[in-house]
Amino acid sequence: LSVATGRRVWHQWGHQIIYPNLYVVLFGPSGVRKGTALDLAVNYILAPLGIEGTPDDTTPQAFVSWLTEQAGTFTDEKGKLQTQTVGVVISEEMQVFFGENNTPFLASMAALYDGRERPFSKATIKRKVERIPKPYITAVWLVAPEWLPRIIPMDVAGGGLSARCIHVVAWERGKTIANEPEPPDEAKQQALLDHFRNVRHVVGRCRFSPAALKLYKETYLQQA
């Protein structure tokens, strides 16, 4: 859904505008089927819709150059043409995407997450300065425990990129199933694709329902 909405859907929070882009880290040792979960999303939703992510192995400069090619437009709820740069990061190996202790790249990805209104500017060797207008980045990274300290230095682990990520953790494999798995349910897949296409047409401000706002406040106070 995060990929489907882009900057067309937003929430007003005081003076801030919050967009529904997500950074998700699937975290766990080898064998917990992180890749299986990712393959389901890629093969049965994103690929049929023609949505491609960034190259698997990239550099900070190449990533910024790739992003500049993703800029596009949409018509907002007032009928005005708006700019957005939608990027999808799908990385089966977080360490391949970031490398080790690449603090500048981590900081850039944290800044891109915030979806600021002004362009994101990055100095590069080739083009001197690249500008990404109104970025909107959704990312899924897979990583094993032994790699994470080598990707994100411990002295910055509590903030920056880490603070913007939803960490989905699995420490053990689930129940072993010996039976031959059933083929995908085509009707359910089609229903998901139809829902995805419908969401792409939703435009405008979203608001909390009273029940959702109550739950948000309770959860926020519990986590504080």
Protein backbone atom coordinates (compact mmCIF):
# COMPACT_ATOMS: atom_id res chain seq x y z
CA LEU A 1 0.00 0.00 0.00
CA SER A 2 2.89 2.34 0.72
CA VAL A 3 4.12 1.86 -2.84
CA ALA A 4 0.62 2.37 -4.23
CA THR A 5 -0.18 5.69 -2.56
CA GLY A 6 2.95 7.75 -3.16
CA ARG A 7 2.62 11.37 -2.08
CA ARG A 8 -0.99 11.44 -3.29
CA VAL A 9 -2.14 10.52 0.24
CA TRP A 10 -0.96 12.45 3.28
CA HIS A 11 -1.76 13.29 6.90
CA GLN A 12 -1.57 16.72 8.52
CA TRP A 13 0.13 16.55 11.92
CA GLY A 14 0.44 20.06 13.31
CA HIS A 15 2.75 21.94 10.97
CA GLN A 16 4.04 18.69 9.46
CA ILE A 17 2.78 16.70 6.50
CA ILE A 18 3.34 12.96 6.97
CA TYR A 19 3.42 10.61 4.00
CA PRO A 20 2.83 6.83 4.24
CA ASN A 21 6.19 5.63 2.93
CA LEU A 22 7.80 2.83 4.94
CA TYR A 23 11.26 1.51 5.68
CA VAL A 24 11.02 -2.14 6.71
CA VAL A 25 13.85 -4.43 7.85
CA LEU A 26 13.19 -8.19 7.89
CA PHE A 27 15.65 -9.30 10.56
CA GLY A 28 16.60 -12.86 11.42
CA PRO A 29 19.13 -15.65 10.95
CA SER A 30 19.43 -17.74 7.84
CA GLY A 31 16.56 -20.17 7.37
CA VAL A 32 13.66 -18.15 8.85
CA ARG A 33 12.32 -17.52 5.33
CA LYS A 34 12.87 -13.79 5.07
CA GLY A 35 13.35 -14.22 1.34
CA THR A 36 10.14 -16.22 1.00
CA ALA A 37 8.12 -13.35 2.47
CA LEU A 38 9.80 -10.86 0.14
CA ASP A 39 9.31 -13.07 -2.92
CA LEU A 40 5.56 -13.22 -2.32
CA ALA A 41 5.30 -9.42 -2.45
CA VAL A 42 7.62 -9.03 -5.42
CA ASN A 43 6.44 -11.92 -7.59
CA TYR A 44 2.70 -11.72 -6.97
CA ILE A 45 2.07 -7.99 -6.51
CA LEU A 46 4.89 -5.70 -7.63
CA ALA A 47 6.12 -7.57 -10.71
CA PRO A 48 2.64 -8.05 -12.31
CA LEU A 49 2.07 -4.31 -11.90
CA GLY A 50 5.37 -3.44 -13.56
CA ILE A 51 6.91 -1.96 -10.41
CA GLU A 52 10.67 -2.37 -10.30
CA GLY A 53 12.99 -1.59 -7.44
CA THR A 54 16.46 -0.16 -7.41
CA PRO A 55 19.33 -2.34 -8.70
CA ASP A 56 20.40 -4.94 -6.12
CA ASP A 57 24.04 -3.84 -5.98
CA THR A 58 24.46 -0.08 -6.11
CA THR A 59 26.56 2.81 -4.86
CA PRO A 60 25.34 6.04 -3.22
CA GLN A 61 26.08 7.98 -6.39
CA ALA A 62 24.39 5.41 -8.64
CA PHE A 63 21.36 5.28 -6.34
CA VAL A 64 20.90 9.06 -6.46
CA SER A 65 21.27 9.05 -10.25
CA TRP A 66 18.67 6.26 -10.47
CA LEU A 67 16.30 8.25 -8.28
CA THR A 68 16.50 11.30 -10.53
CA GLU A 69 15.08 9.13 -13.31
CA GLN A 70 12.02 8.19 -11.19
CA ALA A 71 10.57 11.71 -10.98
CA GLY A 72 6.97 12.03 -12.14
CA THR A 73 3.74 13.90 -11.59
CA PHE A 74 0.20 13.35 -10.31
CA THR A 75 -2.97 15.40 -10.01
CA ASP A 76 -3.89 16.26 -6.41
CA GLU A 77 -7.35 16.57 -4.83
CA LYS A 78 -7.58 20.21 -6.01
CA GLY A 79 -6.82 19.32 -9.61
CA LYS A 80 -3.28 20.73 -9.47
CA LEU A 81 -0.32 18.95 -11.00
CA GLN A 82 2.22 17.90 -8.35
CA THR A 83 5.72 16.47 -8.59
CA GLN A 84 6.96 13.38 -6.79
CA THR A 85 9.95 11.06 -6.98
CA VAL A 86 8.82 7.56 -6.03
CA GLY A 87 11.60 5.07 -5.39
CA VAL A 88 11.20 1.42 -4.36
CA VAL A 89 14.12 -0.32 -2.67
CA ILE A 90 13.92 -4.12 -2.53
CA SER A 91 17.13 -5.56 -1.13
CA GLU A 92 17.63 -9.23 -0.28
CA GLU A 93 20.99 -8.39 1.30
CA MET A 94 21.08 -5.15 3.29
CA GLN A 95 24.88 -5.34 3.45
CA VAL A 96 25.10 -5.39 -0.35
CA PHE A 97 22.96 -2.26 -0.60
CA PHE A 98 24.76 -0.20 2.07
CA GLY A 99 28.18 -1.80 2.42
CA GLU A 100 29.93 -1.65 5.78
CA ASN A 101 29.83 1.43 8.05
CA ASN A 102 28.82 3.71 5.18
CA THR A 103 27.55 6.49 7.45
CA PRO A 104 27.01 9.09 4.68
CA PHE A 105 24.79 6.69 2.72
CA LEU A 106 22.83 5.81 5.88
CA ALA A 107 22.33 9.52 6.59
CA SER A 108 21.15 10.16 3.03
CA MET A 109 18.57 7.37 3.24
CA ALA A 110 17.34 8.78 6.57
CA ALA A 111 16.91 12.22 5.00
CA LEU A 112 15.11 10.79 1.97
CA TYR A 113 12.65 8.99 4.25
CA ASP A 114 11.36 12.26 5.69
CA GLY A 115 9.78 13.26 2.36
CA ARG A 116 10.56 16.93 2.63
CA GLU A 117 8.95 19.39 0.25
CA ARG A 118 12.20 20.90 -1.02
CA PRO A 119 14.42 18.88 -3.36
CA PHE A 120 17.02 16.54 -1.89
CA SER A 121 20.43 17.57 -3.22
CA LYS A 122 23.49 15.34 -3.40
CA ALA A 123 26.95 16.20 -4.65
CA THR A 124 28.36 13.58 -7.01
CA ILE A 125 31.62 13.22 -8.89
CA LYS A 126 29.98 12.87 -12.28
CA ARG A 127 27.28 15.54 -12.37
CA LYS A 128 28.43 17.73 -9.50
CA VAL A 129 24.94 18.14 -7.96
CA GLU A 130 21.91 15.86 -8.35
CA ARG A 131 18.49 17.14 -7.23
CA ILE A 132 15.63 14.82 -6.34
CA PRO A 133 12.29 16.68 -6.29
CA LYS A 134 9.88 15.74 -3.49
CA PRO A 135 11.26 12.27 -2.69
CA TYR A 136 9.05 9.39 -1.58
CA ILE A 137 11.02 6.23 -0.84
CA THR A 138 9.66 2.87 0.32
CA ALA A 139 12.21 0.20 1.19
CA VAL A 140 12.45 -3.41 2.33
CA TRP A 141 15.82 -4.76 3.44
CA LEU A 142 16.68 -8.29 4.57
CA VAL A 143 19.51 -8.77 7.04
CA ALA A 144 20.97 -11.42 9.36
CA PRO A 145 21.97 -10.51 12.96
CA GLU A 146 25.70 -10.90 12.38
CA TRP A 147 25.65 -8.30 9.60
CA LEU A 148 23.71 -5.48 11.23
CA PRO A 149 26.55 -4.13 13.46
CA ARG A 150 28.79 -4.02 10.40
CA ILE A 151 26.23 -2.03 8.41
CA ILE A 152 25.09 0.43 11.10
CA PRO A 153 27.80 1.60 13.53
CA MET A 154 26.79 1.03 17.15
CA ASP A 155 27.22 4.71 18.11
CA VAL A 156 24.42 5.70 15.68
CA ALA A 157 22.28 2.56 15.97
CA GLY A 158 19.52 4.21 18.03
CA GLY A 159 18.76 7.09 15.70
CA GLY A 160 18.98 8.15 12.08
CA LEU A 161 18.02 5.37 9.70
CA SER A 162 17.33 2.83 12.47
CA ALA A 163 14.77 5.11 14.12
CA ARG A 164 12.87 5.33 10.84
CA CYS A 165 12.70 1.57 10.23
CA ILE A 166 10.05 -0.95 11.22
CA HIS A 167 11.98 -4.04 12.31
CA VAL A 168 10.22 -7.35 11.73
CA VAL A 169 12.11 -9.96 13.75
CA ALA A 170 12.09 -13.75 13.47
CA TRP A 171 14.54 -15.76 15.57
CA GLU A 172 13.40 -19.29 14.82
CA ARG A 173 11.93 -21.19 11.90
CA GLY A 174 8.26 -22.01 12.03
CA LYS A 175 6.76 -25.44 11.90
CA THR A 176 8.32 -27.74 9.31
CA ILE A 177 5.77 -28.83 6.72
CA ALA A 178 6.58 -31.92 4.68
CA ASN A 179 3.53 -31.77 2.44
CA GLU A 180 3.83 -30.38 -1.08
CA PRO A 181 2.68 -26.75 -0.96
CA GLU A 182 -0.44 -25.71 -2.82
CA PRO A 183 -0.02 -23.46 -5.89
CA PRO A 184 -0.91 -19.77 -5.48
CA ASP A 185 -4.59 -18.89 -5.33
CA GLU A 186 -5.07 -16.89 -8.53
CA ALA A 187 -8.39 -15.41 -7.40
CA LYS A 188 -6.84 -14.01 -4.21
CA GLN A 189 -3.86 -12.68 -6.13
CA GLN A 190 -6.18 -10.94 -8.58
CA ALA A 191 -8.16 -9.44 -5.70
CA LEU A 192 -4.93 -8.03 -4.24
CA LEU A 193 -3.90 -6.59 -7.59
CA ASP A 194 -7.34 -4.99 -8.09
CA HIS A 195 -7.16 -3.48 -4.60
CA PHE A 196 -3.68 -2.16 -5.30
CA ARG A 197 -4.86 -0.51 -8.53
CA ASN A 198 -7.83 1.07 -6.72
CA VAL A 199 -5.56 2.51 -4.03
CA ARG A 200 -3.49 4.17 -6.75
CA HIS A 201 -6.51 6.39 -7.49
CA VAL A 202 -6.97 7.58 -3.91
CA VAL A 203 -5.93 11.23 -3.47
CA GLY A 204 -6.05 13.65 -0.57
CA ARG A 205 -5.71 14.04 3.17
CA CYS A 206 -6.35 11.09 5.46
CA ARG A 207 -7.66 11.50 9.00
CA PHE A 208 -7.85 9.44 12.17
CA SER A 209 -11.20 7.95 13.06
CA PRO A 210 -12.02 8.50 16.77
CA ALA A 211 -11.21 4.86 17.54
CA ALA A 212 -7.91 5.00 15.63
CA LEU A 213 -6.87 8.22 17.37
CA LYS A 214 -7.64 6.69 20.76
CA LEU A 215 -5.55 3.62 19.92
CA TYR A 216 -2.70 5.80 18.66
CA LYS A 217 -2.61 7.84 21.87
CA GLU A 218 -2.67 4.73 24.06
CA THR A 219 0.08 3.05 22.07
CA TYR A 220 2.21 6.21 21.97
CA LEU A 221 2.00 6.69 25.74
CA GLN A 222 2.85 3.03 26.35
CA GLN A 223 5.97 3.31 24.19
CA ALA A 224 7.08 6.67 25.60
